[in-house]
Amino acid sequence: MSTKAFEISASRFGEERTPFLSPKRVAELLGITMTELAGLTGIARNTLAAKSGARRVDTALSPIVRILAMAGDEQRAAIWFKHQPIPGWAGKTAYDLVREGKTDKVLAYLEGVRSGIYA
């Protein structure tokens, strides 16, 4: 996927009139609550909603949005993220790995798929 395609996809997750990502939009796409998103990102639920924590929230959401952008169109990416086991991870999904702090492993897997390693 080109950088431009990523920017277009990621821009859909933006907070209105700010340069930051919207936790609400990410949660809605994934079909999870803000409490579940807090657990996924490791950020307190109150911080997700607070304007003062926008920079920290943006940093926590960026890898998730990148994963979703790399995985394809939004709806299919959300389904894949939550339900499709990643080979080599004992039936764990991207959601499971991100929750365990292994976002880098999911990104590496997607880069491998994009490069043709895991076809």
PDB file of N, CA and C in Angstrom:
ATOM      1  N   MET A   1       0.856  -1.173   0.000  1.00  0.00           N
ATOM      2  CA  MET A   1       0.000   0.000   0.000  1.00  0.00           C
ATOM      3  C   MET A   1       0.894   1.226   0.000  1.00  0.00           C
ATOM      4  N   SER A   2       0.553   2.194  -0.797  1.00  0.00           N
ATOM      5  CA  SER A   2       1.379   3.390  -0.878  1.00  0.00           C
ATOM      6  C   SER A   2       1.159   4.284   0.337  1.00  0.00           C
ATOM      7  N   THR A   3       2.111   5.172   0.541  1.00  0.00           N
ATOM      8  CA  THR A   3       1.998   6.113   1.655  1.00  0.00           C
ATOM      9  C   THR A   3       0.769   6.983   1.486  1.00  0.00           C
ATOM     10  N   LYS A   4       0.495   7.381   0.259  1.00  0.00           N
ATOM     11  CA  LYS A   4      -0.675   8.228   0.016  1.00  0.00           C
ATOM     12  C   LYS A   4      -1.953   7.498   0.399  1.00  0.00           C
ATOM     13  N   ALA A   5      -2.055   6.202   0.061  1.00  0.00           N
ATOM     14  CA  ALA A   5      -3.240   5.429   0.426  1.00  0.00           C
ATOM     15  C   ALA A   5      -3.375   5.353   1.938  1.00  0.00           C
ATOM     16  N   PHE A   6      -2.255   5.182   2.646  1.00  0.00           N
ATOM     17  CA  PHE A   6      -2.294   5.140   4.103  1.00  0.00           C
ATOM     18  C   PHE A   6      -2.795   6.459   4.650  1.00  0.00           C
ATOM     19  N   GLU A   7      -2.307   7.581   4.119  1.00  0.00           N
ATOM     20  CA  GLU A   7      -2.724   8.894   4.610  1.00  0.00           C
ATOM     21  C   GLU A   7      -4.213   9.115   4.416  1.00  0.00           C
ATOM     22  N   ILE A   8      -4.743   8.673   3.283  1.00  0.00           N
ATOM     23  CA  ILE A   8      -6.168   8.837   3.018  1.00  0.00           C
ATOM     24  C   ILE A   8      -6.968   8.005   4.016  1.00  0.00           C
ATOM     25  N   SER A   9      -6.567   6.763   4.207  1.00  0.00           N
ATOM     26  CA  SER A   9      -7.276   5.895   5.129  1.00  0.00           C
ATOM     27  C   SER A   9      -7.164   6.399   6.566  1.00  0.00           C
ATOM     28  N   ALA A  10      -5.968   6.764   6.971  1.00  0.00           N
ATOM     29  CA  ALA A  10      -5.751   7.229   8.343  1.00  0.00           C
ATOM     30  C   ALA A  10      -6.477   8.537   8.617  1.00  0.00           C
ATOM     31  N   SER A  11      -6.617   9.376   7.611  1.00  0.00           N
ATOM     32  CA  SER A  11      -7.277  10.668   7.817  1.00  0.00           C
ATOM     33  C   SER A  11      -8.738  10.504   8.221  1.00  0.00           C
ATOM     34  N   ARG A  12      -9.346   9.389   7.901  1.00  0.00           N
ATOM     35  CA  ARG A  12     -10.736   9.143   8.283  1.00  0.00           C
ATOM     36  C   ARG A  12     -10.903   8.988   9.790  1.00  0.00           C
ATOM     37  N   PHE A  13      -9.803   8.756  10.474  1.00  0.00           N
ATOM     38  CA  PHE A  13      -9.845   8.562  11.919  1.00  0.00           C
ATOM     39  C   PHE A  13      -9.538   9.842  12.677  1.00  0.00           C
ATOM     40  N   GLY A  14      -9.419  10.944  11.987  1.00  0.00           N
ATOM     41  CA  GLY A  14      -9.049  12.204  12.614  1.00  0.00           C
ATOM     42  C   GLY A  14     -10.155  12.821  13.441  1.00  0.00           C
ATOM     43  N   GLU A  15      -9.730  13.548  14.434  1.00  0.00           N
ATOM     44  CA  GLU A  15     -10.635  14.335  15.272  1.00  0.00           C
ATOM     45  C   GLU A  15     -10.956  15.606  14.503  1.00  0.00           C
ATOM     46  N   GLU A  16     -12.203  16.004  14.498  1.00  0.00           N
ATOM     47  CA  GLU A  16     -12.585  17.215  13.764  1.00  0.00           C
ATOM     48  C   GLU A  16     -11.839  18.438  14.283  1.00  0.00           C
ATOM     49  N   ARG A  17     -11.348  19.222  13.351  1.00  0.00           N
ATOM     50  CA  ARG A  17     -10.656  20.494  13.621  1.00  0.00           C
ATOM     51  C   ARG A  17      -9.417  20.351  14.502  1.00  0.00           C
ATOM     52  N   THR A  18      -8.822  19.157  14.542  1.00  0.00           N
ATOM     53  CA  THR A  18      -7.559  18.963  15.260  1.00  0.00           C
ATOM     54  C   THR A  18      -6.676  18.037  14.430  1.00  0.00           C
ATOM     55  N   PRO A  19      -5.389  18.034  14.703  1.00  0.00           N
ATOM     56  CA  PRO A  19      -4.504  17.123  13.967  1.00  0.00           C
ATOM     57  C   PRO A  19      -4.435  15.719  14.593  1.00  0.00           C
ATOM     58  N   PHE A  20      -5.281  15.436  15.578  1.00  0.00           N
ATOM     59  CA  PHE A  20      -5.185  14.186  16.326  1.00  0.00           C
ATOM     60  C   PHE A  20      -6.210  13.145  15.879  1.00  0.00           C
ATOM     61  N   LEU A  21      -5.900  11.891  16.170  1.00  0.00           N
ATOM     62  CA  LEU A  21      -6.811  10.791  15.883  1.00  0.00           C
ATOM     63  C   LEU A  21      -7.960  10.789  16.886  1.00  0.00           C
ATOM     64  N   SER A  22      -9.097  10.271  16.464  1.00  0.00           N
ATOM     65  CA  SER A  22     -10.287  10.233  17.304  1.00  0.00           C
ATOM     66  C   SER A  22     -10.492   8.841  17.903  1.00  0.00           C
ATOM     67  N   PRO A  23     -10.381   8.720  19.220  1.00  0.00           N
ATOM     68  CA  PRO A  23     -10.631   7.418  19.844  1.00  0.00           C
ATOM     69  C   PRO A  23     -12.046   6.911  19.560  1.00  0.00           C
ATOM     70  N   LYS A  24     -12.990   7.831  19.520  1.00  0.00           N
ATOM     71  CA  LYS A  24     -14.382   7.452  19.266  1.00  0.00           C
ATOM     72  C   LYS A  24     -14.527   6.804  17.890  1.00  0.00           C
ATOM     73  N   ARG A  25     -13.903   7.383  16.878  1.00  0.00           N
ATOM     74  CA  ARG A  25     -14.000   6.825  15.520  1.00  0.00           C
ATOM     75  C   ARG A  25     -13.320   5.467  15.429  1.00  0.00           C
ATOM     76  N   VAL A  26     -12.189   5.304  16.086  1.00  0.00           N
ATOM     77  CA  VAL A  26     -11.489   4.019  16.075  1.00  0.00           C
ATOM     78  C   VAL A  26     -12.346   2.960  16.763  1.00  0.00           C
ATOM     79  N   ALA A  27     -12.898   3.303  17.924  1.00  0.00           N
ATOM     80  CA  ALA A  27     -13.749   2.363  18.666  1.00  0.00           C
ATOM     81  C   ALA A  27     -14.977   1.979  17.843  1.00  0.00           C
ATOM     82  N   GLU A  28     -15.598   2.960  17.185  1.00  0.00           N
ATOM     83  CA  GLU A  28     -16.780   2.677  16.370  1.00  0.00           C
ATOM     84  C   GLU A  28     -16.455   1.729  15.224  1.00  0.00           C
ATOM     85  N   LEU A  29     -15.351   1.959  14.550  1.00  0.00           N
ATOM     86  CA  LEU A  29     -14.977   1.091  13.436  1.00  0.00           C
ATOM     87  C   LEU A  29     -14.732  -0.334  13.915  1.00  0.00           C
ATOM     88  N   LEU A  30     -14.058  -0.475  15.041  1.00  0.00           N
ATOM     89  CA  LEU A  30     -13.757  -1.800  15.561  1.00  0.00           C
ATOM     90  C   LEU A  30     -14.963  -2.456  16.236  1.00  0.00           C
ATOM     91  N   GLY A  31     -16.002  -1.673  16.495  1.00  0.00           N
ATOM     92  CA  GLY A  31     -17.184  -2.218  17.156  1.00  0.00           C
ATOM     93  C   GLY A  31     -16.922  -2.560  18.607  1.00  0.00           C
ATOM     94  N   ILE A  32     -16.106  -1.719  19.259  1.00  0.00           N
ATOM     95  CA  ILE A  32     -15.787  -1.930  20.665  1.00  0.00           C
ATOM     96  C   ILE A  32     -16.147  -0.683  21.460  1.00  0.00           C
ATOM     97  N   THR A  33     -16.215  -0.839  22.765  1.00  0.00           N
ATOM     98  CA  THR A  33     -16.514   0.292  23.636  1.00  0.00           C
ATOM     99  C   THR A  33     -15.234   1.090  23.895  1.00  0.00           C
ATOM    100  N   MET A  34     -15.395   2.267  24.432  1.00  0.00           N
ATOM    101  CA  MET A  34     -14.236   3.078  24.798  1.00  0.00           C
ATOM    102  C   MET A  34     -13.441   2.383  25.913  1.00  0.00           C
ATOM    103  N   THR A  35     -14.115   1.643  26.772  1.00  0.00           N
ATOM    104  CA  THR A  35     -13.425   0.894  27.821  1.00  0.00           C
ATOM    105  C   THR A  35     -12.543  -0.190  27.207  1.00  0.00           C
ATOM    106  N   GLU A  36     -13.061  -0.879  26.195  1.00  0.00           N
ATOM    107  CA  GLU A  36     -12.266  -1.900  25.506  1.00  0.00           C
ATOM    108  C   GLU A  36     -11.093  -1.266  24.764  1.00  0.00           C
ATOM    109  N   LEU A  37     -11.331  -0.104  24.165  1.00  0.00           N
ATOM    110  CA  LEU A  37     -10.251   0.606  23.479  1.00  0.00           C
ATOM    111  C   LEU A  37      -9.179   1.028  24.479  1.00  0.00           C
ATOM    112  N   ALA A  38      -9.598   1.430  25.660  1.00  0.00           N
ATOM    113  CA  ALA A  38      -8.638   1.794  26.704  1.00  0.00           C
ATOM    114  C   ALA A  38      -7.756   0.595  27.044  1.00  0.00           C
ATOM    115  N   GLY A  39      -8.352  -0.584  27.167  1.00  0.00           N
ATOM    116  CA  GLY A  39      -7.584  -1.787  27.444  1.00  0.00           C
ATOM    117  C   GLY A  39      -6.655  -2.153  26.299  1.00  0.00           C
ATOM    118  N   LEU A  40      -7.101  -1.915  25.091  1.00  0.00           N
ATOM    119  CA  LEU A  40      -6.305  -2.225  23.904  1.00  0.00           C
ATOM    120  C   LEU A  40      -5.092  -1.310  23.791  1.00  0.00           C
ATOM    121  N   THR A  41      -5.263  -0.045  24.144  1.00  0.00           N
ATOM    122  CA  THR A  41      -4.186   0.936  23.996  1.00  0.00           C
ATOM    123  C   THR A  41      -3.326   1.091  25.246  1.00  0.00           C
ATOM    124  N   GLY A  42      -3.860   0.658  26.379  1.00  0.00           N
ATOM    125  CA  GLY A  42      -3.133   0.859  27.628  1.00  0.00           C
ATOM    126  C   GLY A  42      -3.280   2.272  28.169  1.00  0.00           C
ATOM    127  N   ILE A  43      -4.249   3.003  27.650  1.00  0.00           N
ATOM    128  CA  ILE A  43      -4.534   4.376  28.088  1.00  0.00           C
ATOM    129  C   ILE A  43      -5.833   4.355  28.889  1.00  0.00           C
ATOM    130  N   ALA A  44      -5.876   5.060  29.981  1.00  0.00           N
ATOM    131  CA  ALA A  44      -7.096   5.111  30.803  1.00  0.00           C
ATOM    132  C   ALA A  44      -8.267   5.667  29.999  1.00  0.00           C
ATOM    133  N   ARG A  45      -9.455   5.141  30.268  1.00  0.00           N
ATOM    134  CA  ARG A  45     -10.649   5.565  29.538  1.00  0.00           C
ATOM    135  C   ARG A  45     -10.867   7.071  29.642  1.00  0.00           C
ATOM    136  N   ASN A  46     -10.651   7.630  30.822  1.00  0.00           N
ATOM    137  CA  ASN A  46     -10.838   9.072  31.009  1.00  0.00           C
ATOM    138  C   ASN A  46      -9.839   9.870  30.172  1.00  0.00           C
ATOM    139  N   THR A  47      -8.635   9.350  30.022  1.00  0.00           N
ATOM    140  CA  THR A  47      -7.622  10.026  29.210  1.00  0.00           C
ATOM    141  C   THR A  47      -8.024  10.011  27.739  1.00  0.00           C
ATOM    142  N   LEU A  48      -8.656   8.908  27.293  1.00  0.00           N
ATOM    143  CA  LEU A  48      -9.115   8.835  25.903  1.00  0.00           C
ATOM    144  C   LEU A  48     -10.097   9.960  25.585  1.00  0.00           C
ATOM    145  N   ALA A  49     -10.913  10.315  26.557  1.00  0.00           N
ATOM    146  CA  ALA A  49     -11.934  11.336  26.345  1.00  0.00           C
ATOM    147  C   ALA A  49     -11.445  12.758  26.628  1.00  0.00           C
ATOM    148  N   ALA A  50     -10.351  12.891  27.346  1.00  0.00           N
ATOM    149  CA  ALA A  50      -9.876  14.221  27.747  1.00  0.00           C
ATOM    150  C   ALA A  50      -9.102  14.906  26.618  1.00  0.00           C
ATOM    151  N   LYS A  51      -9.378  16.165  26.414  1.00  0.00           N
ATOM    152  CA  LYS A  51      -8.653  16.940  25.394  1.00  0.00           C
ATOM    153  C   LYS A  51      -7.191  17.132  25.787  1.00  0.00           C
ATOM    154  N   SER A  52      -6.920  17.183  27.076  1.00  0.00           N
ATOM    155  CA  SER A  52      -5.551  17.423  27.531  1.00  0.00           C
ATOM    156  C   SER A  52      -4.622  16.248  27.221  1.00  0.00           C
ATOM    157  N   GLY A  53      -5.183  15.058  26.994  1.00  0.00           N
ATOM    158  CA  GLY A  53      -4.366  13.883  26.699  1.00  0.00           C
ATOM    159  C   GLY A  53      -4.298  13.552  25.227  1.00  0.00           C
ATOM    160  N   ALA A  54      -4.694  14.486  24.363  1.00  0.00           N
ATOM    161  CA  ALA A  54      -4.810  14.200  22.928  1.00  0.00           C
ATOM    162  C   ALA A  54      -3.509  13.703  22.307  1.00  0.00           C
ATOM    163  N   ARG A  55      -2.403  14.292  22.674  1.00  0.00           N
ATOM    164  CA  ARG A  55      -1.120  13.895  22.083  1.00  0.00           C
ATOM    165  C   ARG A  55      -0.758  12.463  22.495  1.00  0.00           C
ATOM    166  N   ARG A  56      -0.960  12.143  23.753  1.00  0.00           N
ATOM    167  CA  ARG A  56      -0.672  10.797  24.258  1.00  0.00           C
ATOM    168  C   ARG A  56      -1.607   9.767  23.628  1.00  0.00           C
ATOM    169  N   VAL A  57      -2.874  10.106  23.505  1.00  0.00           N
ATOM    170  CA  VAL A  57      -3.863   9.226  22.883  1.00  0.00           C
ATOM    171  C   VAL A  57      -3.514   9.009  21.410  1.00  0.00           C
ATOM    172  N   ASP A  58      -3.137  10.071  20.733  1.00  0.00           N
ATOM    173  CA  ASP A  58      -2.759   9.985  19.329  1.00  0.00           C
ATOM    174  C   ASP A  58      -1.585   9.012  19.151  1.00  0.00           C
ATOM    175  N   THR A  59      -0.615   9.092  20.027  1.00  0.00           N
ATOM    176  CA  THR A  59       0.546   8.199  19.975  1.00  0.00           C
ATOM    177  C   THR A  59       0.126   6.746  20.181  1.00  0.00           C
ATOM    178  N   ALA A  60      -0.821   6.505  21.080  1.00  0.00           N
ATOM    179  CA  ALA A  60      -1.290   5.147  21.355  1.00  0.00           C
ATOM    180  C   ALA A  60      -2.154   4.596  20.232  1.00  0.00           C
ATOM    181  N   LEU A  61      -2.943   5.465  19.586  1.00  0.00           N
ATOM    182  CA  LEU A  61      -3.838   5.024  18.518  1.00  0.00           C
ATOM    183  C   LEU A  61      -3.136   4.860  17.171  1.00  0.00           C
ATOM    184  N   SER A  62      -2.053   5.563  16.964  1.00  0.00           N
ATOM    185  CA  SER A  62      -1.374   5.557  15.658  1.00  0.00           C
ATOM    186  C   SER A  62      -1.030   4.159  15.155  1.00  0.00           C
ATOM    187  N   PRO A  63      -0.439   3.282  15.969  1.00  0.00           N
ATOM    188  CA  PRO A  63      -0.133   1.948  15.447  1.00  0.00           C
ATOM    189  C   PRO A  63      -1.385   1.150  15.076  1.00  0.00           C
ATOM    190  N   ILE A  64      -2.453   1.320  15.827  1.00  0.00           N
ATOM    191  CA  ILE A  64      -3.698   0.608  15.526  1.00  0.00           C
ATOM    192  C   ILE A  64      -4.266   1.093  14.204  1.00  0.00           C
ATOM    193  N   VAL A  65      -4.270   2.396  13.998  1.00  0.00           N
ATOM    194  CA  VAL A  65      -4.763   2.957  12.747  1.00  0.00           C
ATOM    195  C   VAL A  65      -3.870   2.517  11.587  1.00  0.00           C
ATOM    196  N   ARG A  66      -2.582   2.454  11.828  1.00  0.00           N
ATOM    197  CA  ARG A  66      -1.664   1.992  10.784  1.00  0.00           C
ATOM    198  C   ARG A  66      -1.964   0.540  10.410  1.00  0.00           C
ATOM    199  N   ILE A  67      -2.204  -0.298  11.404  1.00  0.00           N
ATOM    200  CA  ILE A  67      -2.560  -1.696  11.145  1.00  0.00           C
ATOM    201  C   ILE A  67      -3.830  -1.764  10.307  1.00  0.00           C
ATOM    202  N   LEU A  68      -4.836  -1.016  10.704  1.00  0.00           N
ATOM    203  CA  LEU A  68      -6.108  -1.031   9.973  1.00  0.00           C
ATOM    204  C   LEU A  68      -5.928  -0.537   8.540  1.00  0.00           C
ATOM    205  N   ALA A  69      -5.117   0.504   8.360  1.00  0.00           N
ATOM    206  CA  ALA A  69      -4.873   1.044   7.022  1.00  0.00           C
ATOM    207  C   ALA A  69      -4.130   0.032   6.156  1.00  0.00           C
ATOM    208  N   MET A  70      -3.193  -0.688   6.740  1.00  0.00           N
ATOM    209  CA  MET A  70      -2.424  -1.682   5.984  1.00  0.00           C
ATOM    210  C   MET A  70      -3.254  -2.921   5.660  1.00  0.00           C
ATOM    211  N   ALA A  71      -4.256  -3.206   6.469  1.00  0.00           N
ATOM    212  CA  ALA A  71      -5.034  -4.435   6.321  1.00  0.00           C
ATOM    213  C   ALA A  71      -6.102  -4.349   5.237  1.00  0.00           C
ATOM    214  N   GLY A  72      -6.365  -3.191   4.684  1.00  0.00           N
ATOM    215  CA  GLY A  72      -7.340  -3.094   3.605  1.00  0.00           C
ATOM    216  C   GLY A  72      -8.438  -2.115   3.907  1.00  0.00           C
ATOM    217  N   ASP A  73      -9.584  -2.301   3.187  1.00  0.00           N
ATOM    218  CA  ASP A  73     -10.690  -1.366   3.394  1.00  0.00           C
ATOM    219  C   ASP A  73     -11.189  -1.480   4.833  1.00  0.00           C
ATOM    220  N   GLU A  74     -11.758  -0.410   5.326  1.00  0.00           N
ATOM    221  CA  GLU A  74     -12.058  -0.267   6.751  1.00  0.00           C
ATOM    222  C   GLU A  74     -12.865  -1.408   7.359  1.00  0.00           C
ATOM    223  N   GLN A  75     -13.978  -1.769   6.735  1.00  0.00           N
ATOM    224  CA  GLN A  75     -14.835  -2.793   7.327  1.00  0.00           C
ATOM    225  C   GLN A  75     -14.164  -4.157   7.342  1.00  0.00           C
ATOM    226  N   ARG A  76     -13.530  -4.523   6.245  1.00  0.00           N
ATOM    227  CA  ARG A  76     -12.833  -5.808   6.194  1.00  0.00           C
ATOM    228  C   ARG A  76     -11.643  -5.819   7.141  1.00  0.00           C
ATOM    229  N   ALA A  77     -10.951  -4.696   7.238  1.00  0.00           N
ATOM    230  CA  ALA A  77      -9.802  -4.602   8.138  1.00  0.00           C
ATOM    231  C   ALA A  77     -10.240  -4.780   9.586  1.00  0.00           C
ATOM    232  N   ALA A  78     -11.362  -4.188   9.958  1.00  0.00           N
ATOM    233  CA  ALA A  78     -11.865  -4.306  11.328  1.00  0.00           C
ATOM    234  C   ALA A  78     -12.231  -5.754  11.652  1.00  0.00           C
ATOM    235  N   ILE A  79     -12.865  -6.430  10.712  1.00  0.00           N
ATOM    236  CA  ILE A  79     -13.225  -7.840  10.918  1.00  0.00           C
ATOM    237  C   ILE A  79     -11.960  -8.686  11.036  1.00  0.00           C
ATOM    238  N   TRP A  80     -11.004  -8.456  10.129  1.00  0.00           N
ATOM    239  CA  TRP A  80      -9.740  -9.183  10.183  1.00  0.00           C
ATOM    240  C   TRP A  80      -9.041  -8.940  11.522  1.00  0.00           C
ATOM    241  N   PHE A  81      -8.967  -7.683  11.936  1.00  0.00           N
ATOM    242  CA  PHE A  81      -8.275  -7.288  13.167  1.00  0.00           C
ATOM    243  C   PHE A  81      -8.809  -8.047  14.378  1.00  0.00           C
ATOM    244  N   LYS A  82     -10.117  -8.199  14.450  1.00  0.00           N
ATOM    245  CA  LYS A  82     -10.729  -8.808  15.625  1.00  0.00           C
ATOM    246  C   LYS A  82     -10.871 -10.328  15.545  1.00  0.00           C
ATOM    247  N   HIS A  83     -10.975 -10.883  14.327  1.00  0.00           N
ATOM    248  CA  HIS A  83     -11.389 -12.278  14.229  1.00  0.00           C
ATOM    249  C   HIS A  83     -10.434 -13.235  13.513  1.00  0.00           C
ATOM    250  N   GLN A  84      -9.534 -12.744  12.702  1.00  0.00           N
ATOM    251  CA  GLN A  84      -8.673 -13.641  11.917  1.00  0.00           C
ATOM    252  C   GLN A  84      -7.379 -13.956  12.655  1.00  0.00           C
ATOM    253  N   PRO A  85      -7.164 -15.226  12.999  1.00  0.00           N
ATOM    254  CA  PRO A  85      -5.899 -15.584  13.657  1.00  0.00           C
ATOM    255  C   PRO A  85      -4.712 -15.329  12.725  1.00  0.00           C
ATOM    256  N   ILE A  86      -3.626 -14.873  13.308  1.00  0.00           N
ATOM    257  CA  ILE A  86      -2.407 -14.631  12.547  1.00  0.00           C
ATOM    258  C   ILE A  86      -1.552 -15.901  12.628  1.00  0.00           C
ATOM    259  N   PRO A  87      -1.126 -16.410  11.475  1.00  0.00           N
ATOM    260  CA  PRO A  87      -0.333 -17.637  11.476  1.00  0.00           C
ATOM    261  C   PRO A  87       0.908 -17.514  12.366  1.00  0.00           C
ATOM    262  N   GLY A  88       1.170 -18.571  13.106  1.00  0.00           N
ATOM    263  CA  GLY A  88       2.357 -18.603  13.961  1.00  0.00           C
ATOM    264  C   GLY A  88       2.153 -18.023  15.350  1.00  0.00           C
ATOM    265  N   TRP A  89       0.933 -17.590  15.657  1.00  0.00           N
ATOM    266  CA  TRP A  89       0.689 -16.986  16.964  1.00  0.00           C
ATOM    267  C   TRP A  89      -0.393 -17.738  17.748  1.00  0.00           C
ATOM    268  N   ALA A  90      -0.434 -19.038  17.574  1.00  0.00           N
ATOM    269  CA  ALA A  90      -1.317 -19.917  18.369  1.00  0.00           C
ATOM    270  C   ALA A  90      -2.771 -19.451  18.388  1.00  0.00           C
ATOM    271  N   GLY A  91      -3.273 -19.069  17.230  1.00  0.00           N
ATOM    272  CA  GLY A  91      -4.674 -18.676  17.125  1.00  0.00           C
ATOM    273  C   GLY A  91      -4.991 -17.268  17.581  1.00  0.00           C
ATOM    274  N   LYS A  92      -3.975 -16.492  17.889  1.00  0.00           N
ATOM    275  CA  LYS A  92      -4.211 -15.114  18.333  1.00  0.00           C
ATOM    276  C   LYS A  92      -4.478 -14.213  17.139  1.00  0.00           C
ATOM    277  N   THR A  93      -5.357 -13.249  17.368  1.00  0.00           N
ATOM    278  CA  THR A  93      -5.695 -12.264  16.343  1.00  0.00           C
ATOM    279  C   THR A  93      -4.836 -11.012  16.531  1.00  0.00           C
ATOM    280  N   ALA A  94      -4.927 -10.100  15.579  1.00  0.00           N
ATOM    281  CA  ALA A  94      -4.223  -8.819  15.717  1.00  0.00           C
ATOM    282  C   ALA A  94      -4.699  -8.105  16.983  1.00  0.00           C
ATOM    283  N   TYR A  95      -5.989  -8.180  17.266  1.00  0.00           N
ATOM    284  CA  TYR A  95      -6.554  -7.563  18.468  1.00  0.00           C
ATOM    285  C   TYR A  95      -5.859  -8.119  19.717  1.00  0.00           C
ATOM    286  N   ASP A  96      -5.725  -9.442  19.765  1.00  0.00           N
ATOM    287  CA  ASP A  96      -5.081 -10.083  20.923  1.00  0.00           C
ATOM    288  C   ASP A  96      -3.634  -9.614  21.069  1.00  0.00           C
ATOM    289  N   LEU A  97      -2.908  -9.597  19.957  1.00  0.00           N
ATOM    290  CA  LEU A  97      -1.497  -9.219  20.004  1.00  0.00           C
ATOM    291  C   LEU A  97      -1.310  -7.757  20.388  1.00  0.00           C
ATOM    292  N   VAL A  98      -2.166  -6.889  19.864  1.00  0.00           N
ATOM    293  CA  VAL A  98      -2.075  -5.462  20.223  1.00  0.00           C
ATOM    294  C   VAL A  98      -2.363  -5.295  21.703  1.00  0.00           C
ATOM    295  N   ARG A  99      -3.354  -5.985  22.201  1.00  0.00           N
ATOM    296  CA  ARG A  99      -3.697  -5.909  23.629  1.00  0.00           C
ATOM    297  C   ARG A  99      -2.537  -6.383  24.501  1.00  0.00           C
ATOM    298  N   GLU A 100      -1.730  -7.316  23.990  1.00  0.00           N
ATOM    299  CA  GLU A 100      -0.568  -7.823  24.720  1.00  0.00           C
ATOM    300  C   GLU A 100       0.675  -6.953  24.526  1.00  0.00           C
ATOM    301  N   GLY A 101       0.533  -5.855  23.777  1.00  0.00           N
ATOM    302  CA  GLY A 101       1.667  -4.967  23.552  1.00  0.00           C
ATOM    303  C   GLY A 101       2.579  -5.407  22.420  1.00  0.00           C
ATOM    304  N   LYS A 102       2.088  -6.254  21.538  1.00  0.00           N
ATOM    305  CA  LYS A 102       2.887  -6.783  20.427  1.00  0.00           C
ATOM    306  C   LYS A 102       2.463  -6.186  19.084  1.00  0.00           C
ATOM    307  N   THR A 103       2.171  -4.904  19.102  1.00  0.00           N
ATOM    308  CA  THR A 103       1.762  -4.204  17.886  1.00  0.00           C
ATOM    309  C   THR A 103       2.826  -4.332  16.809  1.00  0.00           C
ATOM    310  N   ASP A 104       4.084  -4.271  17.209  1.00  0.00           N
ATOM    311  CA  ASP A 104       5.179  -4.380  16.249  1.00  0.00           C
ATOM    312  C   ASP A 104       5.160  -5.708  15.515  1.00  0.00           C
ATOM    313  N   LYS A 105       4.723  -6.782  16.159  1.00  0.00           N
ATOM    314  CA  LYS A 105       4.633  -8.100  15.526  1.00  0.00           C
ATOM    315  C   LYS A 105       3.547  -8.115  14.458  1.00  0.00           C
ATOM    316  N   VAL A 106       2.435  -7.446  14.729  1.00  0.00           N
ATOM    317  CA  VAL A 106       1.349  -7.371  13.742  1.00  0.00           C
ATOM    318  C   VAL A 106       1.804  -6.547  12.542  1.00  0.00           C
ATOM    319  N   LEU A 107       2.446  -5.426  12.798  1.00  0.00           N
ATOM    320  CA  LEU A 107       2.955  -4.595  11.698  1.00  0.00           C
ATOM    321  C   LEU A 107       3.990  -5.355  10.867  1.00  0.00           C
ATOM    322  N   ALA A 108       4.851  -6.118  11.524  1.00  0.00           N
ATOM    323  CA  ALA A 108       5.855  -6.914  10.801  1.00  0.00           C
ATOM    324  C   ALA A 108       5.175  -7.981   9.947  1.00  0.00           C
ATOM    325  N   TYR A 109       4.143  -8.598  10.475  1.00  0.00           N
ATOM    326  CA  TYR A 109       3.390  -9.596   9.707  1.00  0.00           C
ATOM    327  C   TYR A 109       2.769  -8.952   8.465  1.00  0.00           C
ATOM    328  N   LEU A 110       2.133  -7.801   8.639  1.00  0.00           N
ATOM    329  CA  LEU A 110       1.491  -7.124   7.507  1.00  0.00           C
ATOM    330  C   LEU A 110       2.518  -6.672   6.469  1.00  0.00           C
ATOM    331  N   GLU A 111       3.677  -6.221   6.925  1.00  0.00           N
ATOM    332  CA  GLU A 111       4.753  -5.860   5.992  1.00  0.00           C
ATOM    333  C   GLU A 111       5.200  -7.099   5.212  1.00  0.00           C
ATOM    334  N   GLY A 112       5.271  -8.240   5.905  1.00  0.00           N
ATOM    335  CA  GLY A 112       5.639  -9.491   5.247  1.00  0.00           C
ATOM    336  C   GLY A 112       4.614  -9.908   4.206  1.00  0.00           C
ATOM    337  N   VAL A 113       3.340  -9.747   4.530  1.00  0.00           N
ATOM    338  CA  VAL A 113       2.266 -10.061   3.577  1.00  0.00           C
ATOM    339  C   VAL A 113       2.391  -9.145   2.366  1.00  0.00           C
ATOM    340  N   ARG A 114       2.609  -7.884   2.617  1.00  0.00           N
ATOM    341  CA  ARG A 114       2.733  -6.910   1.536  1.00  0.00           C
ATOM    342  C   ARG A 114       3.941  -7.209   0.647  1.00  0.00           C
ATOM    343  N   SER A 115       4.996  -7.730   1.248  1.00  0.00           N
ATOM    344  CA  SER A 115       6.215  -8.075   0.505  1.00  0.00           C
ATOM    345  C   SER A 115       6.132  -9.440  -0.162  1.00  0.00           C
ATOM    346  N   GLY A 116       5.091 -10.205   0.150  1.00  0.00           N
ATOM    347  CA  GLY A 116       4.928 -11.515  -0.457  1.00  0.00           C
ATOM    348  C   GLY A 116       5.514 -12.652   0.337  1.00  0.00           C
ATOM    349  N   ILE A 117       5.978 -12.391   1.538  1.00  0.00           N
ATOM    350  CA  ILE A 117       6.583 -13.441   2.356  1.00  0.00           C
ATOM    351  C   ILE A 117       5.531 -14.415   2.857  1.00  0.00           C
ATOM    352  N   TYR A 118       4.398 -13.904   3.332  1.00  0.00           N
ATOM    353  CA  TYR A 118       3.306 -14.735   3.840  1.00  0.00           C
ATOM    354  C   TYR A 118       2.145 -14.680   2.874  1.00  0.00           C
ATOM    355  N   ALA A 119       2.229 -15.368   1.784  1.00  0.00           N
ATOM    356  CA  ALA A 119       1.149 -15.316   0.793  1.00  0.00           C
ATOM    357  C   ALA A 119       0.114 -16.383   1.050  1.00  0.00           C
TER     358      ALA A 119
END
